[in-house]
C-alpha atoms as a PDB file:
ATOM      1  CA  UNK A   1     -38.141 219.354  98.271  1.00  0.00           C
ATOM      2  CA  UNK A   2     -41.480 217.699  97.636  1.00  0.00           C
ATOM      3  CA  UNK A   3     -44.421 219.901  96.879  1.00  0.00           C
ATOM      4  CA  UNK A   4     -47.420 219.766  99.314  1.00  0.00           C
ATOM      5  CA  UNK A   5     -49.774 218.821  96.470  1.00  0.00           C
ATOM      6  CA  UNK A   6     -47.663 215.820  95.524  1.00  0.00           C
ATOM      7  CA  UNK A   7     -47.448 214.657  99.134  1.00  0.00           C
ATOM      8  CA  UNK A   8     -51.252 214.890  99.431  1.00  0.00           C
ATOM      9  CA  UNK A   9     -51.659 212.892  96.207  1.00  0.00           C
ATOM     10  CA  UNK A  10     -49.318 210.161  97.474  1.00  0.00           C
ATOM     11  CA  UNK A  11     -51.215 209.944 100.775  1.00  0.00           C
ATOM     12  CA  UNK A  12     -54.544 209.814  98.925  1.00  0.00           C
ATOM     13  CA  UNK A  13     -53.370 207.057  96.574  1.00  0.00           C
ATOM     14  CA  UNK A  14     -51.888 205.103  99.484  1.00  0.00           C
ATOM     15  CA  UNK A  15     -55.208 205.251 101.327  1.00  0.00           C
ATOM     16  CA  UNK A  16     -57.084 204.209  98.204  1.00  0.00           C
ATOM     17  CA  UNK A  17     -54.807 201.207  97.656  1.00  0.00           C
ATOM     18  CA  UNK A  18     -55.259 200.149 101.278  1.00  0.00           C
ATOM     19  CA  UNK A  19     -59.040 200.455 101.009  1.00  0.00           C
ATOM     20  CA  UNK A  20     -59.125 198.482  97.765  1.00  0.00           C
ATOM     21  CA  UNK A  21     -56.971 195.755  99.291  1.00  0.00           C
ATOM     22  CA  UNK A  22     -59.276 195.501 102.296  1.00  0.00           C
ATOM     23  CA  UNK A  23     -62.316 195.343 100.023  1.00  0.00           C
ATOM     24  CA  UNK A  24     -60.731 192.639  97.892  1.00  0.00           C
ATOM     25  CA  UNK A  25     -59.841 190.633 100.985  1.00  0.00           C
ATOM     26  CA  UNK A  26     -63.433 190.922 102.263  1.00  0.00           C
ATOM     27  CA  UNK A  27     -64.782 189.981  98.838  1.00  0.00           C
ATOM     28  CA  UNK A  28     -62.627 186.854  98.884  1.00  0.00           C
ATOM     29  CA  UNK A  29     -63.874 185.789 102.302  1.00  0.00           C
ATOM     30  CA  UNK A  30     -65.823 182.537 102.453  1.00  0.00           C
ATOM     31  CA  UNK A  31     -68.169 182.616 105.433  1.00  0.00           C
ATOM     32  CA  UNK A  32     -68.942 179.384 107.235  1.00  0.00           C
ATOM     33  CA  UNK A  33     -72.346 179.309 108.928  1.00  0.00           C
ATOM     34  CA  UNK A  34     -73.481 176.625 111.351  1.00  0.00           C
ATOM     35  CA  UNK A  35     -77.178 175.642 111.177  1.00  0.00           C
ATOM     36  CA  UNK A  36     -78.371 173.696 114.220  1.00  0.00           C
ATOM     37  CA  UNK A  37     -81.840 172.134 114.297  1.00  0.00           C
ATOM     38  CA  UNK A  38     -83.699 169.596 116.396  1.00  0.00           C
ATOM     39  CA  UNK A  39     -85.489 168.511 113.236  1.00  0.00           C
ATOM     40  CA  UNK A  40     -84.869 165.688 110.804  1.00  0.00           C
ATOM     41  CA  UNK A  41     -82.068 165.730 108.196  1.00  0.00           C
ATOM     42  CA  UNK A  42     -84.795 165.321 105.583  1.00  0.00           C
ATOM     43  CA  UNK A  43     -86.122 168.764 106.582  1.00  0.00           C
ATOM     44  CA  UNK A  44     -82.953 170.391 105.312  1.00  0.00           C
ATOM     45  CA  UNK A  45     -81.962 174.024 105.719  1.00  0.00           C
ATOM     46  CA  UNK A  46     -84.911 176.406 105.416  1.00  0.00           C
ATOM     47  CA  UNK A  47     -85.336 177.464 101.760  1.00  0.00           C
ATOM     48  CA  UNK A  48     -86.561 180.878 102.956  1.00  0.00           C
ATOM     49  CA  UNK A  49     -83.325 181.301 104.938  1.00  0.00           C
ATOM     50  CA  UNK A  50     -81.240 180.302 101.931  1.00  0.00           C
ATOM     51  CA  UNK A  51     -83.182 182.490  99.500  1.00  0.00           C
ATOM     52  CA  UNK A  52     -82.875 185.577 101.697  1.00  0.00           C
ATOM     53  CA  UNK A  53     -79.119 185.070 102.081  1.00  0.00           C
ATOM     54  CA  UNK A  54     -78.871 184.792  98.293  1.00  0.00           C
ATOM     55  CA  UNK A  55     -80.753 188.071  97.895  1.00  0.00           C
ATOM     56  CA  UNK A  56     -78.277 189.656 100.313  1.00  0.00           C
ATOM     57  CA  UNK A  57     -75.346 188.601  98.130  1.00  0.00           C
ATOM     58  CA  UNK A  58     -74.272 185.285  99.632  1.00  0.00           C
ATOM     59  CA  UNK A  59     -73.739 182.450  97.165  1.00  0.00           C
ATOM     60  CA  UNK A  60     -73.164 178.961  98.497  1.00  0.00           C
ATOM     61  CA  UNK A  61     -69.966 177.483  97.166  1.00  0.00           C
ATOM     62  CA  UNK A  62     -68.534 180.928  96.427  1.00  0.00           C
ATOM     63  CA  UNK A  63     -68.610 183.158  99.513  1.00  0.00           C
ATOM     64  CA  UNK A  64     -70.751 180.981 101.784  1.00  0.00           C
ATOM     65  CA  UNK A  65     -70.718 177.491 103.251  1.00  0.00           C
ATOM     66  CA  UNK A  66     -73.546 176.182 105.453  1.00  0.00           C
ATOM     67  CA  UNK A  67     -72.666 173.448 107.935  1.00  0.00           C
ATOM     68  CA  UNK A  68     -76.026 171.937 108.922  1.00  0.00           C
ATOM     69  CA  UNK A  69     -76.603 169.587 111.857  1.00  0.00           C
ATOM     70  CA  UNK A  70     -79.926 167.898 112.690  1.00  0.00           C
ATOM     71  CA  UNK A  71     -80.681 166.128 115.978  1.00  0.00           C
ATOM     72  CA  UNK A  72     -83.717 164.253 114.604  1.00  0.00           C
ATOM     73  CA  UNK A  73     -85.819 165.043 117.713  1.00  0.00           C
ATOM     74  CA  UNK A  74     -83.069 163.794 120.056  1.00  0.00           C
ATOM     75  CA  UNK A  75     -82.456 166.684 122.478  1.00  0.00           C
ATOM     76  CA  UNK A  76     -79.517 164.951 124.139  1.00  0.00           C
ATOM     77  CA  UNK A  77     -77.674 165.017 120.775  1.00  0.00           C
ATOM     78  CA  UNK A  78     -77.649 168.813 120.610  1.00  0.00           C
ATOM     79  CA  UNK A  79     -74.549 169.448 122.812  1.00  0.00           C
ATOM     80  CA  UNK A  80     -72.456 167.123 120.644  1.00  0.00           C
ATOM     81  CA  UNK A  81     -73.698 168.701 117.436  1.00  0.00           C
ATOM     82  CA  UNK A  82     -73.072 172.220 118.755  1.00  0.00           C
ATOM     83  CA  UNK A  83     -69.535 171.245 119.759  1.00  0.00           C
ATOM     84  CA  UNK A  84     -68.952 169.802 116.277  1.00  0.00           C
ATOM     85  CA  UNK A  85     -69.938 173.090 114.661  1.00  0.00           C
ATOM     86  CA  UNK A  86     -67.517 174.970 116.884  1.00  0.00           C
ATOM     87  CA  UNK A  87     -64.724 172.591 115.916  1.00  0.00           C
ATOM     88  CA  UNK A  88     -65.515 173.413 112.311  1.00  0.00           C
ATOM     89  CA  UNK A  89     -64.653 177.038 113.138  1.00  0.00           C
ATOM     90  CA  UNK A  90     -67.944 178.473 111.956  1.00  0.00           C
ATOM     91  CA  UNK A  91     -68.319 182.256 111.875  1.00  0.00           C
ATOM     92  CA  UNK A  92     -71.725 182.054 113.561  1.00  0.00           C
ATOM     93  CA  UNK A  93     -74.434 179.549 114.470  1.00  0.00           C
ATOM     94  CA  UNK A  94     -78.094 179.771 113.454  1.00  0.00           C
ATOM     95  CA  UNK A  95     -80.361 177.912 115.878  1.00  0.00           C
ATOM     96  CA  UNK A  96     -83.848 176.596 115.111  1.00  0.00           C
ATOM     97  CA  UNK A  97     -85.832 176.231 118.337  1.00  0.00           C
ATOM     98  CA  UNK A  98     -85.256 176.962 122.008  1.00  0.00           C
ATOM     99  CA  UNK A  99     -83.339 173.768 122.957  1.00  0.00           C
ATOM    100  CA  UNK A 100     -80.863 174.340 120.122  1.00  0.00           C
ATOM    101  CA  UNK A 101     -80.226 177.906 121.272  1.00  0.00           C
ATOM    102  CA  UNK A 102     -79.582 176.659 124.799  1.00  0.00           C
ATOM    103  CA  UNK A 103     -77.159 174.012 123.503  1.00  0.00           C
ATOM    104  CA  UNK A 104     -75.280 176.575 121.412  1.00  0.00           C
ATOM    105  CA  UNK A 105     -75.145 179.004 124.330  1.00  0.00           C
ATOM    106  CA  UNK A 106     -73.701 176.301 126.578  1.00  0.00           C
ATOM    107  CA  UNK A 107     -71.092 175.479 123.936  1.00  0.00           C
ATOM    108  CA  UNK A 108     -69.742 178.976 123.212  1.00  0.00           C
ATOM    109  CA  UNK A 109     -69.725 182.488 124.603  1.00  0.00           C
ATOM    110  CA  UNK A 110     -67.765 183.994 121.718  1.00  0.00           C
ATOM    111  CA  UNK A 111     -69.192 182.720 118.427  1.00  0.00           C
ATOM    112  CA  UNK A 112     -72.305 184.753 117.476  1.00  0.00           C
ATOM    113  CA  UNK A 113     -75.619 182.891 117.725  1.00  0.00           C
ATOM    114  CA  UNK A 114     -78.657 183.907 115.649  1.00  0.00           C
ATOM    115  CA  UNK A 115     -81.994 182.523 116.821  1.00  0.00           C
ATOM    116  CA  UNK A 116     -84.168 181.545 113.884  1.00  0.00           C
ATOM    117  CA  UNK A 117     -87.214 181.163 116.126  1.00  0.00           C
ATOM    118  CA  UNK A 118     -87.065 180.683 119.895  1.00  0.00           C
ATOM    119  CA  UNK A 119     -89.336 181.031 122.902  1.00  0.00           C
ATOM    120  CA  UNK A 120     -88.891 184.132 125.087  1.00  0.00           C
ATOM    121  CA  UNK A 121     -85.079 184.243 125.468  1.00  0.00           C
ATOM    122  CA  UNK A 122     -85.225 186.493 128.538  1.00  0.00           C
ATOM    123  CA  UNK A 123     -87.610 184.179 130.348  1.00  0.00           C
ATOM    124  CA  UNK A 124     -85.331 181.232 129.577  1.00  0.00           C
ATOM    125  CA  UNK A 125     -82.153 183.005 130.652  1.00  0.00           C
ATOM    126  CA  UNK A 126     -80.606 183.108 127.193  1.00  0.00           C
ATOM    127  CA  UNK A 127     -80.208 186.911 127.107  1.00  0.00           C
ATOM    128  CA  UNK A 128     -80.510 189.756 129.595  1.00  0.00           C
ATOM    129  CA  UNK A 129     -83.020 191.787 127.578  1.00  0.00           C
ATOM    130  CA  UNK A 130     -84.670 191.955 124.172  1.00  0.00           C
ATOM    131  CA  UNK A 131     -83.524 195.517 123.479  1.00  0.00           C
ATOM    132  CA  UNK A 132     -79.875 194.878 124.394  1.00  0.00           C
ATOM    133  CA  UNK A 133     -79.356 191.121 124.621  1.00  0.00           C
ATOM    134  CA  UNK A 134     -75.679 191.354 125.572  1.00  0.00           C
ATOM    135  CA  UNK A 135     -73.368 188.399 125.093  1.00  0.00           C
ATOM    136  CA  UNK A 136     -73.307 186.593 121.759  1.00  0.00           C
ATOM    137  CA  UNK A 137     -77.013 185.872 121.095  1.00  0.00           C
ATOM    138  CA  UNK A 138     -79.603 187.754 119.042  1.00  0.00           C
ATOM    139  CA  UNK A 139     -82.242 186.916 116.433  1.00  0.00           C
ATOM    140  CA  UNK A 140     -85.990 186.362 116.373  1.00  0.00           C
ATOM    141  CA  UNK A 141     -88.466 184.755 118.755  1.00  0.00           C
ATOM    142  CA  UNK A 142     -91.470 182.766 117.563  1.00  0.00           C
ATOM    143  CA  UNK A 143     -93.940 183.892 120.212  1.00  0.00           C
ATOM    144  CA  UNK A 144     -94.774 186.977 122.256  1.00  0.00           C
ATOM    145  CA  UNK A 145     -95.574 184.700 125.196  1.00  0.00           C
ATOM    146  CA  UNK A 146     -97.407 181.553 126.308  1.00  0.00           C
ATOM    147  CA  UNK A 147    -100.808 183.242 126.012  1.00  0.00           C
ATOM    148  CA  UNK A 148    -100.737 182.574 122.262  1.00  0.00           C
ATOM    149  CA  UNK A 149    -101.444 178.869 122.854  1.00  0.00           C
ATOM    150  CA  UNK A 150    -104.476 179.786 124.953  1.00  0.00           C
ATOM    151  CA  UNK A 151    -105.696 181.938 122.057  1.00  0.00           C
ATOM    152  CA  UNK A 152    -105.481 178.846 119.855  1.00  0.00           C
ATOM    153  CA  UNK A 153    -107.846 176.939 122.147  1.00  0.00           C
ATOM    154  CA  UNK A 154    -110.200 179.924 122.171  1.00  0.00           C
ATOM    155  CA  UNK A 155    -110.285 180.055 118.355  1.00  0.00           C
ATOM    156  CA  UNK A 156    -110.924 176.318 118.157  1.00  0.00           C
ATOM    157  CA  UNK A 157    -113.905 176.695 120.484  1.00  0.00           C
ATOM    158  CA  UNK A 158    -115.193 179.614 118.407  1.00  0.00           C
ATOM    159  CA  UNK A 159    -114.953 177.521 115.245  1.00  0.00           C
ATOM    160  CA  UNK A 160    -116.562 174.453 116.827  1.00  0.00           C
ATOM    161  CA  UNK A 161    -118.728 175.589 119.774  1.00  0.00           C
ATOM    162  CA  UNK A 162    -119.821 172.040 120.627  1.00  0.00           C
ATOM    163  CA  UNK A 163    -116.345 170.737 121.536  1.00  0.00           C
ATOM    164  CA  UNK A 164    -115.831 170.161 125.252  1.00  0.00           C
ATOM    165  CA  UNK A 165    -112.932 167.721 125.668  1.00  0.00           C
ATOM    166  CA  UNK A 166    -109.670 168.664 123.954  1.00  0.00           C
ATOM    167  CA  UNK A 167    -106.530 166.550 123.909  1.00  0.00           C
ATOM    168  CA  UNK A 168    -103.165 168.339 123.961  1.00  0.00           C
ATOM    169  CA  UNK A 169     -99.984 166.741 122.628  1.00  0.00           C
ATOM    170  CA  UNK A 170     -96.966 168.422 124.218  1.00  0.00           C
ATOM    171  CA  UNK A 171     -93.318 167.726 125.025  1.00  0.00           C
ATOM    172  CA  UNK A 172     -92.025 168.599 128.504  1.00  0.00           C
ATOM    173  CA  UNK A 173     -88.429 168.839 127.247  1.00  0.00           C
ATOM    174  CA  UNK A 174     -89.424 172.146 125.636  1.00  0.00           C
ATOM    175  CA  UNK A 175     -89.744 174.523 128.596  1.00  0.00           C
ATOM    176  CA  UNK A 176     -91.912 177.006 126.733  1.00  0.00           C
ATOM    177  CA  UNK A 177     -94.520 174.327 126.013  1.00  0.00           C
ATOM    178  CA  UNK A 178     -95.063 173.827 129.729  1.00  0.00           C
ATOM    179  CA  UNK A 179     -95.690 177.545 130.220  1.00  0.00           C
ATOM    180  CA  UNK A 180     -98.047 177.619 127.240  1.00  0.00           C
ATOM    181  CA  UNK A 181     -99.923 174.599 128.584  1.00  0.00           C
ATOM    182  CA  UNK A 182    -100.407 176.378 131.905  1.00  0.00           C
ATOM    183  CA  UNK A 183    -102.044 179.283 130.069  1.00  0.00           C
ATOM    184  CA  UNK A 184    -104.324 176.864 128.248  1.00  0.00           C
ATOM    185  CA  UNK A 185    -105.293 175.190 131.512  1.00  0.00           C
ATOM    186  CA  UNK A 186    -106.181 178.582 132.997  1.00  0.00           C
ATOM    187  CA  UNK A 187    -108.300 179.534 129.996  1.00  0.00           C
ATOM    188  CA  UNK A 188    -110.065 176.195 129.452  1.00  0.00           C
ATOM    189  CA  UNK A 189    -112.687 176.375 132.256  1.00  0.00           C
ATOM    190  CA  UNK A 190    -114.031 179.744 131.064  1.00  0.00           C
ATOM    191  CA  UNK A 191    -114.389 178.238 127.583  1.00  0.00           C
ATOM    192  CA  UNK A 192    -116.249 175.202 128.864  1.00  0.00           C
ATOM    193  CA  UNK A 193    -113.415 172.888 127.875  1.00  0.00           C
ATOM    194  CA  UNK A 194    -111.722 170.036 129.712  1.00  0.00           C
ATOM    195  CA  UNK A 195    -108.121 169.479 128.661  1.00  0.00           C
ATOM    196  CA  UNK A 196    -106.370 166.126 128.483  1.00  0.00           C
ATOM    197  CA  UNK A 197    -102.694 167.071 128.160  1.00  0.00           C
ATOM    198  CA  UNK A 198    -100.273 164.204 127.548  1.00  0.00           C
ATOM    199  CA  UNK A 199     -96.501 164.554 127.510  1.00  0.00           C
ATOM    200  CA  UNK A 200     -94.991 162.650 124.560  1.00  0.00           C
ATOM    201  CA  UNK A 201     -91.269 162.793 123.776  1.00  0.00           C
ATOM    202  CA  UNK A 202     -90.906 159.499 121.863  1.00  0.00           C
ATOM    203  CA  UNK A 203     -92.907 157.524 119.316  1.00  0.00           C
ATOM    204  CA  UNK A 204     -94.068 154.922 121.899  1.00  0.00           C
ATOM    205  CA  UNK A 205     -95.225 157.735 124.189  1.00  0.00           C
ATOM    206  CA  UNK A 206     -97.001 159.422 121.288  1.00  0.00           C
ATOM    207  CA  UNK A 207     -98.760 156.203 120.312  1.00  0.00           C
ATOM    208  CA  UNK A 208     -99.820 155.644 123.921  1.00  0.00           C
ATOM    209  CA  UNK A 209    -101.070 159.237 124.150  1.00  0.00           C
ATOM    210  CA  UNK A 210    -103.282 158.841 121.099  1.00  0.00           C
ATOM    211  CA  UNK A 211    -104.685 155.567 122.480  1.00  0.00           C
ATOM    212  CA  UNK A 212    -105.538 157.267 125.765  1.00  0.00           C
ATOM    213  CA  UNK A 213    -107.226 160.146 123.965  1.00  0.00           C
ATOM    214  CA  UNK A 214    -109.346 157.671 122.029  1.00  0.00           C
ATOM    215  CA  UNK A 215    -110.360 155.909 125.262  1.00  0.00           C
ATOM    216  CA  UNK A 216    -111.234 159.250 126.850  1.00  0.00           C
ATOM    217  CA  UNK A 217    -113.227 160.269 123.747  1.00  0.00           C
ATOM    218  CA  UNK A 218    -111.719 163.680 123.156  1.00  0.00           C
ATOM    219  CA  UNK A 219    -113.553 165.687 120.492  1.00  0.00           C
ATOM    220  CA  UNK A 220    -110.765 168.173 119.778  1.00  0.00           C
ATOM    221  CA  UNK A 221    -106.978 168.080 119.490  1.00  0.00           C
ATOM    222  CA  UNK A 222    -104.310 170.762 120.006  1.00  0.00           C
ATOM    223  CA  UNK A 223    -100.820 169.883 118.744  1.00  0.00           C
ATOM    224  CA  UNK A 224     -97.718 171.802 119.824  1.00  0.00           C
ATOM    225  CA  UNK A 225     -95.120 172.356 117.073  1.00  0.00           C
ATOM    226  CA  UNK A 226     -92.338 170.255 118.547  1.00  0.00           C
ATOM    227  CA  UNK A 227     -90.098 167.965 116.567  1.00  0.00           C
ATOM    228  CA  UNK A 228     -91.546 164.634 117.739  1.00  0.00           C
ATOM    229  CA  UNK A 229     -95.011 165.717 116.607  1.00  0.00           C
ATOM    230  CA  UNK A 230     -93.651 166.985 113.318  1.00  0.00           C
ATOM    231  CA  UNK A 231     -91.725 163.791 112.684  1.00  0.00           C
ATOM    232  CA  UNK A 232     -94.877 161.703 113.117  1.00  0.00           C
ATOM    233  CA  UNK A 233     -97.344 164.155 111.615  1.00  0.00           C
ATOM    234  CA  UNK A 234     -99.086 161.604 109.416  1.00  0.00           C
ATOM    235  CA  UNK A 235     -99.787 159.367 112.411  1.00  0.00           C
ATOM    236  CA  UNK A 236    -101.420 162.299 114.222  1.00  0.00           C
ATOM    237  CA  UNK A 237    -103.399 163.449 111.183  1.00  0.00           C
ATOM    238  CA  UNK A 238    -104.661 159.927 110.493  1.00  0.00           C
ATOM    239  CA  UNK A 239    -105.736 159.600 114.128  1.00  0.00           C
ATOM    240  CA  UNK A 240    -107.596 162.908 113.983  1.00  0.00           C
ATOM    241  CA  UNK A 241    -109.309 161.994 110.711  1.00  0.00           C
ATOM    242  CA  UNK A 242    -110.326 158.506 111.843  1.00  0.00           C
ATOM    243  CA  UNK A 243    -111.757 159.835 115.093  1.00  0.00           C
ATOM    244  CA  UNK A 244    -113.297 162.912 113.436  1.00  0.00           C
ATOM    245  CA  UNK A 245    -111.506 165.396 115.687  1.00  0.00           C
ATOM    246  CA  UNK A 246    -111.476 169.158 115.283  1.00  0.00           C
ATOM    247  CA  UNK A 247    -107.814 170.131 115.298  1.00  0.00           C
ATOM    248  CA  UNK A 248    -105.726 173.212 116.025  1.00  0.00           C
ATOM    249  CA  UNK A 249    -102.055 173.459 115.081  1.00  0.00           C
ATOM    250  CA  UNK A 250     -99.366 176.124 115.186  1.00  0.00           C
ATOM    251  CA  UNK A 251     -97.952 175.549 111.712  1.00  0.00           C
ATOM    252  CA  UNK A 252     -99.807 176.077 108.437  1.00  0.00           C
ATOM    253  CA  UNK A 253     -98.499 172.936 106.733  1.00  0.00           C
ATOM    254  CA  UNK A 254    -100.573 170.780 109.098  1.00  0.00           C
ATOM    255  CA  UNK A 255    -103.714 172.368 107.658  1.00  0.00           C
ATOM    256  CA  UNK A 256    -102.423 171.837 104.129  1.00  0.00           C
ATOM    257  CA  UNK A 257    -102.126 168.129 104.965  1.00  0.00           C
ATOM    258  CA  UNK A 258    -105.637 167.788 106.383  1.00  0.00           C
ATOM    259  CA  UNK A 259    -105.821 169.606 109.720  1.00  0.00           C
ATOM    260  CA  UNK A 260    -108.718 171.941 110.474  1.00  0.00           C
ATOM    261  CA  UNK A 261    -107.020 175.104 111.752  1.00  0.00           C
ATOM    262  CA  UNK A 262    -103.720 176.725 112.630  1.00  0.00           C
ATOM    263  CA  UNK A 263    -102.898 179.932 114.441  1.00  0.00           C
ATOM    264  CA  UNK A 264     -99.384 181.158 115.019  1.00  0.00           C
ATOM    265  CA  UNK A 265     -96.418 183.093 113.763  1.00  0.00           C
ATOM    266  CA  UNK A 266     -95.454 182.641 110.127  1.00  0.00           C
ATOM    267  CA  UNK A 267     -92.386 180.417 110.476  1.00  0.00           C
ATOM    268  CA  UNK A 268     -91.102 181.241 106.985  1.00  0.00           C
ATOM    269  CA  UNK A 269     -90.863 184.928 107.915  1.00  0.00           C
ATOM    270  CA  UNK A 270     -88.814 184.026 110.969  1.00  0.00           C
ATOM    271  CA  UNK A 271     -86.243 182.198 108.831  1.00  0.00           C
ATOM    272  CA  UNK A 272     -86.101 185.163 106.440  1.00  0.00           C
ATOM    273  CA  UNK A 273     -85.482 187.547 109.331  1.00  0.00           C
ATOM    274  CA  UNK A 274     -82.782 185.248 110.731  1.00  0.00           C
ATOM    275  CA  UNK A 275     -80.889 185.619 107.445  1.00  0.00           C
ATOM    276  CA  UNK A 276     -81.009 189.409 107.821  1.00  0.00           C
ATOM    277  CA  UNK A 277     -79.463 189.103 111.287  1.00  0.00           C
ATOM    278  CA  UNK A 278     -76.744 186.850 109.857  1.00  0.00           C
ATOM    279  CA  UNK A 279     -75.925 189.494 107.258  1.00  0.00           C
ATOM    280  CA  UNK A 280     -75.649 192.226 109.890  1.00  0.00           C
ATOM    281  CA  UNK A 281     -73.237 190.194 112.001  1.00  0.00           C
ATOM    282  CA  UNK A 282     -71.072 189.097 109.081  1.00  0.00           C
ATOM    283  CA  UNK A 283     -70.766 192.789 108.197  1.00  0.00           C
ATOM    284  CA  UNK A 284     -69.414 193.556 111.642  1.00  0.00           C
ATOM    285  CA  UNK A 285     -72.387 194.205 113.930  1.00  0.00           C
ATOM    286  CA  UNK A 286     -72.126 193.087 117.559  1.00  0.00           C
ATOM    287  CA  UNK A 287     -74.859 190.497 118.275  1.00  0.00           C
ATOM    288  CA  UNK A 288     -75.142 191.671 121.853  1.00  0.00           C
ATOM    289  CA  UNK A 289     -76.203 195.114 120.626  1.00  0.00           C
ATOM    290  CA  UNK A 290     -78.764 194.007 117.997  1.00  0.00           C
ATOM    291  CA  UNK A 291     -82.297 194.071 119.470  1.00  0.00           C
ATOM    292  CA  UNK A 292     -84.154 190.770 119.372  1.00  0.00           C
ATOM    293  CA  UNK A 293     -87.321 190.816 117.274  1.00  0.00           C
ATOM    294  CA  UNK A 294     -90.687 189.444 118.368  1.00  0.00           C
ATOM    295  CA  UNK A 295     -93.445 188.579 115.903  1.00  0.00           C
ATOM    296  CA  UNK A 296     -96.346 190.992 115.697  1.00  0.00           C
ATOM    297  CA  UNK A 297     -98.374 189.235 112.991  1.00  0.00           C
ATOM    298  CA  UNK A 298    -100.088 185.887 113.539  1.00  0.00           C
ATOM    299  CA  UNK A 299    -101.750 183.867 110.795  1.00  0.00           C
ATOM    300  CA  UNK A 300    -105.134 182.191 111.206  1.00  0.00           C
ATOM    301  CA  UNK A 301    -105.584 179.452 108.605  1.00  0.00           C
ATOM    302  CA  UNK A 302    -108.792 177.422 108.219  1.00  0.00           C
ATOM    303  CA  UNK A 303    -109.561 174.467 105.953  1.00  0.00           C
ATOM    304  CA  UNK A 304    -113.170 174.550 104.745  1.00  0.00           C
ATOM    305  CA  UNK A 305    -112.513 171.234 103.012  1.00  0.00           C
ATOM    306  CA  UNK A 306    -111.626 169.535 106.294  1.00  0.00           C
ATOM    307  CA  UNK A 307    -114.571 171.211 108.023  1.00  0.00           C
ATOM    308  CA  UNK A 308    -116.948 169.726 105.430  1.00  0.00           C
ATOM    309  CA  UNK A 309    -115.414 166.283 105.891  1.00  0.00           C
ATOM    310  CA  UNK A 310    -116.102 166.606 109.627  1.00  0.00           C
ATOM    311  CA  UNK A 311    -119.633 167.847 109.015  1.00  0.00           C
ATOM    312  CA  UNK A 312    -118.828 171.275 110.447  1.00  0.00           C
ATOM    313  CA  UNK A 313    -119.893 174.751 109.413  1.00  0.00           C
ATOM    314  CA  UNK A 314    -117.293 177.333 110.399  1.00  0.00           C
ATOM    315  CA  UNK A 315    -118.911 180.649 111.481  1.00  0.00           C
ATOM    316  CA  UNK A 316    -118.710 183.266 108.738  1.00  0.00           C
ATOM    317  CA  UNK A 317    -117.414 185.817 111.250  1.00  0.00           C
ATOM    318  CA  UNK A 318    -114.354 183.632 111.834  1.00  0.00           C
ATOM    319  CA  UNK A 319    -113.776 182.936 108.146  1.00  0.00           C
ATOM    320  CA  UNK A 320    -113.724 186.677 107.462  1.00  0.00           C
ATOM    321  CA  UNK A 321    -110.951 187.113 110.058  1.00  0.00           C
ATOM    322  CA  UNK A 322    -108.839 184.288 108.647  1.00  0.00           C
ATOM    323  CA  UNK A 323    -105.619 185.112 106.812  1.00  0.00           C
ATOM    324  CA  UNK A 324    -106.100 182.080 104.597  1.00  0.00           C
ATOM    325  CA  UNK A 325    -109.120 179.876 103.887  1.00  0.00           C
ATOM    326  CA  UNK A 326    -108.352 176.583 102.171  1.00  0.00           C
ATOM    327  CA  UNK A 327    -111.231 175.337 100.020  1.00  0.00           C
END
């Protein structure tokens, strides 16, 4: 007859062996992540996203593979690219931008989707709520709402009080840009600004838009952060410089390359947060139960160097509020 103590020891050892086997199996798992972007292949996977995953213990080539797909500003390519990722049997899909999230949502209802920066997902019908998104989508948004674009116009006017005619480069294929433009159009009259908003989804349309703005003698330019504008950034910056336009962007790198100002969410932080969501899901969390995060911090960046080139003096009160002043 076996003694009770021996039976307990056998049960304990059995449980320990099972736990160790499960841990070893998990440690040997190679996760396959899909990364879907409307950007250019030359953009590559966000280094901030990669670095954060590395800090969380994921090493590419060992326990992680990233399958990246880039639509190169061609929205109609996204469904095919999303379907390709699913065929690759990825464990989850990270989406960069609202159209990519929509394409991934249309392609699968079971594979988890992590937004690495999207417009309001409730407003666009991607999830049922931010607190409990339900379904297979979670992640981070890049804006608390369309009013942020109106704030950009307001800051531009504060920096350059004399401007009165501002051109806006936007892309109607991004639904959130239309809503943001509406907010700008509501705010413009109280600021003493006339807006010339031109929809540009292709290079010929962008070139035509810039020509029209030159004919209409705009003295300011607001550029939405869509992929067509990003792809042809140098064309836009050269146009602004040649025509001595005061510019407002929603990504800091535009200011680093010669723009006057930017005001928006820090995109690098969004990619870092997306990696944290990926880690949670790979460790077993249900995406439908992970609250979606909205940004609460917005960076105002001003280039004093560009201001001097334009013959402008930025008010000291605005410079003191800036998160970064480039000399």
